[in-house]
């Protein structure tokens, strides 16, 4: 049980990191598009 919970926690943390990274990249791309125009 402890092993399963630890795996779930690591997966959830990895997903959060991916979501945060994706949001950051989207914001940077939008800012770049606005500045280029």
PDB file of N, CA and C in Angstrom:
ATOM      1  N   UNK A   1       0.841  -1.204   0.000  1.00  0.00           N
ATOM      2  CA  UNK A   1       0.000   0.000   0.000  1.00  0.00           C
ATOM      3  C   UNK A   1       0.877   1.255   0.000  1.00  0.00           C
ATOM      4  N   UNK A   2       1.902   1.267   0.837  1.00  0.00           N
ATOM      5  CA  UNK A   2       2.757   2.458   0.899  1.00  0.00           C
ATOM      6  C   UNK A   2       3.428   2.703  -0.445  1.00  0.00           C
ATOM      7  N   UNK A   3       3.844   1.615  -1.102  1.00  0.00           N
ATOM      8  CA  UNK A   3       4.505   1.783  -2.398  1.00  0.00           C
ATOM      9  C   UNK A   3       3.529   2.385  -3.403  1.00  0.00           C
ATOM     10  N   UNK A   4       2.294   1.890  -3.406  1.00  0.00           N
ATOM     11  CA  UNK A   4       1.299   2.406  -4.352  1.00  0.00           C
ATOM     12  C   UNK A   4       1.030   3.889  -4.103  1.00  0.00           C
ATOM     13  N   UNK A   5       0.883   4.270  -2.840  1.00  0.00           N
ATOM     14  CA  UNK A   5       0.605   5.678  -2.537  1.00  0.00           C
ATOM     15  C   UNK A   5       1.777   6.548  -2.965  1.00  0.00           C
ATOM     16  N   UNK A   6       2.994   6.090  -2.730  1.00  0.00           N
ATOM     17  CA  UNK A   6       4.166   6.887  -3.116  1.00  0.00           C
ATOM     18  C   UNK A   6       4.205   7.069  -4.624  1.00  0.00           C
ATOM     19  N   UNK A   7       3.870   6.020  -5.366  1.00  0.00           N
ATOM     20  CA  UNK A   7       3.863   6.123  -6.830  1.00  0.00           C
ATOM     21  C   UNK A   7       2.802   7.123  -7.267  1.00  0.00           C
ATOM     22  N   UNK A   8       1.622   7.061  -6.654  1.00  0.00           N
ATOM     23  CA  UNK A   8       0.553   8.001  -7.015  1.00  0.00           C
ATOM     24  C   UNK A   8       0.992   9.433  -6.731  1.00  0.00           C
ATOM     25  N   UNK A   9       1.649   9.641  -5.602  1.00  0.00           N
ATOM     26  CA  UNK A   9       2.108  10.991  -5.251  1.00  0.00           C
ATOM     27  C   UNK A   9       3.116  11.486  -6.278  1.00  0.00           C
ATOM     28  N   UNK A  10       4.070  10.640  -6.649  1.00  0.00           N
ATOM     29  CA  UNK A  10       5.085  11.061  -7.619  1.00  0.00           C
ATOM     30  C   UNK A  10       4.435  11.369  -8.962  1.00  0.00           C
ATOM     31  N   UNK A  11       3.474  10.560  -9.367  1.00  0.00           N
ATOM     32  CA  UNK A  11       2.793  10.795 -10.649  1.00  0.00           C
ATOM     33  C   UNK A  11       2.026  12.109 -10.600  1.00  0.00           C
ATOM     34  N   UNK A  12       1.323  12.356  -9.503  1.00  0.00           N
ATOM     35  CA  UNK A  12       0.554  13.600  -9.382  1.00  0.00           C
ATOM     36  C   UNK A  12       1.495  14.802  -9.406  1.00  0.00           C
ATOM     37  N   UNK A  13       2.624  14.712  -8.721  1.00  0.00           N
ATOM     38  CA  UNK A  13       3.595  15.811  -8.711  1.00  0.00           C
ATOM     39  C   UNK A  13       4.123  16.042 -10.120  1.00  0.00           C
ATOM     40  N   UNK A  14       4.411  14.961 -10.836  1.00  0.00           N
ATOM     41  CA  UNK A  14       4.914  15.096 -12.207  1.00  0.00           C
ATOM     42  C   UNK A  14       3.859  15.762 -13.081  1.00  0.00           C
ATOM     43  N   UNK A  15       2.601  15.385 -12.909  1.00  0.00           N
ATOM     44  CA  UNK A  15       1.528  16.000 -13.703  1.00  0.00           C
ATOM     45  C   UNK A  15       1.426  17.490 -13.394  1.00  0.00           C
ATOM     46  N   UNK A  16       1.512  17.856 -12.118  1.00  0.00           N
ATOM     47  CA  UNK A  16       1.446  19.270 -11.754  1.00  0.00           C
ATOM     48  C   UNK A  16       2.585  20.035 -12.408  1.00  0.00           C
ATOM     49  N   UNK A  17       3.785  19.451 -12.410  1.00  0.00           N
ATOM     50  CA  UNK A  17       4.933  20.113 -13.030  1.00  0.00           C
ATOM     51  C   UNK A  17       4.682  20.297 -14.520  1.00  0.00           C
ATOM     52  N   UNK A  18       4.130  19.277 -15.162  1.00  0.00           N
ATOM     53  CA  UNK A  18       3.843  19.389 -16.602  1.00  0.00           C
ATOM     54  C   UNK A  18       2.826  20.488 -16.858  1.00  0.00           C
ATOM     55  N   UNK A  19       1.765  20.531 -16.046  1.00  0.00           N
ATOM     56  CA  UNK A  19       0.724  21.550 -16.236  1.00  0.00           C
ATOM     57  C   UNK A  19       1.321  22.941 -16.040  1.00  0.00           C
ATOM     58  N   UNK A  20       2.116  23.113 -14.991  1.00  0.00           N
ATOM     59  CA  UNK A  20       2.721  24.430 -14.739  1.00  0.00           C
ATOM     60  C   UNK A  20       3.644  24.813 -15.883  1.00  0.00           C
ATOM     61  N   UNK A  21       4.447  23.871 -16.357  1.00  0.00           N
ATOM     62  CA  UNK A  21       5.375  24.157 -17.456  1.00  0.00           C
ATOM     63  C   UNK A  21       4.588  24.523 -18.708  1.00  0.00           C
ATOM     64  N   UNK A  22       3.518  23.782 -18.989  1.00  0.00           N
ATOM     65  CA  UNK A  22       2.708  24.070 -20.178  1.00  0.00           C
ATOM     66  C   UNK A  22       2.096  25.454 -20.085  1.00  0.00           C
ATOM     67  N   UNK A  23       1.574  25.825 -18.918  1.00  0.00           N
ATOM     68  CA  UNK A  23       0.965  27.146 -18.750  1.00  0.00           C
ATOM     69  C   UNK A  23       2.021  28.229 -18.935  1.00  0.00           C
ATOM     70  N   UNK A  24       3.207  28.027 -18.388  1.00  0.00           N
ATOM     71  CA  UNK A  24       4.280  29.014 -18.518  1.00  0.00           C
ATOM     72  C   UNK A  24       4.663  29.186 -19.982  1.00  0.00           C
ATOM     73  N   UNK A  25       4.770  28.090 -20.713  1.00  0.00           N
ATOM     74  CA  UNK A  25       5.147  28.184 -22.127  1.00  0.00           C
ATOM     75  C   UNK A  25       4.052  28.898 -22.909  1.00  0.00           C
ATOM     76  N   UNK A  26       2.785  28.614 -22.608  1.00  0.00           N
ATOM     77  CA  UNK A  26       1.687  29.284 -23.314  1.00  0.00           C
ATOM     78  C   UNK A  26       1.738  30.784 -23.067  1.00  0.00           C
ATOM     79  N   UNK A  27       1.961  31.181 -21.825  1.00  0.00           N
ATOM     80  CA  UNK A  27       2.024  32.609 -21.495  1.00  0.00           C
ATOM     81  C   UNK A  27       3.186  33.261 -22.230  1.00  0.00           C
ATOM     82  N   UNK A  28       4.342  32.619 -22.234  1.00  0.00           N
ATOM     83  CA  UNK A  28       5.514  33.194 -22.906  1.00  0.00           C
ATOM     84  C   UNK A  28       5.253  33.314 -24.401  1.00  0.00           C
ATOM     85  N   UNK A  29       4.615  32.315 -24.996  1.00  0.00           N
ATOM     86  CA  UNK A  29       4.323  32.370 -26.436  1.00  0.00           C
ATOM     87  C   UNK A  29       3.370  33.521 -26.726  1.00  0.00           C
ATOM     88  N   UNK A  30       2.338  33.689 -25.906  1.00  0.00           N
ATOM     89  CA  UNK A  30       1.388  34.785 -26.117  1.00  0.00           C
ATOM     90  C   UNK A  30       2.100  36.126 -26.001  1.00  0.00           C
ATOM     91  N   UNK A  31       2.969  36.272 -25.001  1.00  0.00           N
ATOM     92  CA  UNK A  31       3.697  37.533 -24.837  1.00  0.00           C
ATOM     93  C   UNK A  31       4.594  37.777 -26.044  1.00  0.00           C
ATOM     94  N   UNK A  32       5.238  36.738 -26.556  1.00  0.00           N
ATOM     95  CA  UNK A  32       6.113  36.891 -27.718  1.00  0.00           C
ATOM     96  C   UNK A  32       5.308  37.327 -28.931  1.00  0.00           C
ATOM     97  N   UNK A  33       4.125  36.755 -29.115  1.00  0.00           N
ATOM     98  CA  UNK A  33       3.283  37.119 -30.265  1.00  0.00           C
ATOM     99  C   UNK A  33       2.867  38.587 -30.146  1.00  0.00           C
ATOM    100  N   UNK A  34       2.478  39.016 -28.962  1.00  0.00           N
ATOM    101  CA  UNK A  34       2.060  40.409 -28.779  1.00  0.00           C
ATOM    102  C   UNK A  34       3.228  41.350 -29.032  1.00  0.00           C
ATOM    103  N   UNK A  35       4.402  41.017 -28.515  1.00  0.00           N
ATOM    104  CA  UNK A  35       5.565  41.895 -28.674  1.00  0.00           C
ATOM    105  C   UNK A  35       5.995  41.944 -30.139  1.00  0.00           C
ATOM    106  N   UNK A  36       5.890  40.821 -30.846  1.00  0.00           N
ATOM    107  CA  UNK A  36       6.316  40.789 -32.252  1.00  0.00           C
ATOM    108  C   UNK A  36       5.402  41.687 -33.082  1.00  0.00           C
ATOM    109  N   UNK A  37       4.103  41.706 -32.770  1.00  0.00           N
ATOM    110  CA  UNK A  37       3.172  42.561 -33.507  1.00  0.00           C
ATOM    111  C   UNK A  37       3.443  44.025 -33.171  1.00  0.00           C
TER     112      UNK A  37
END
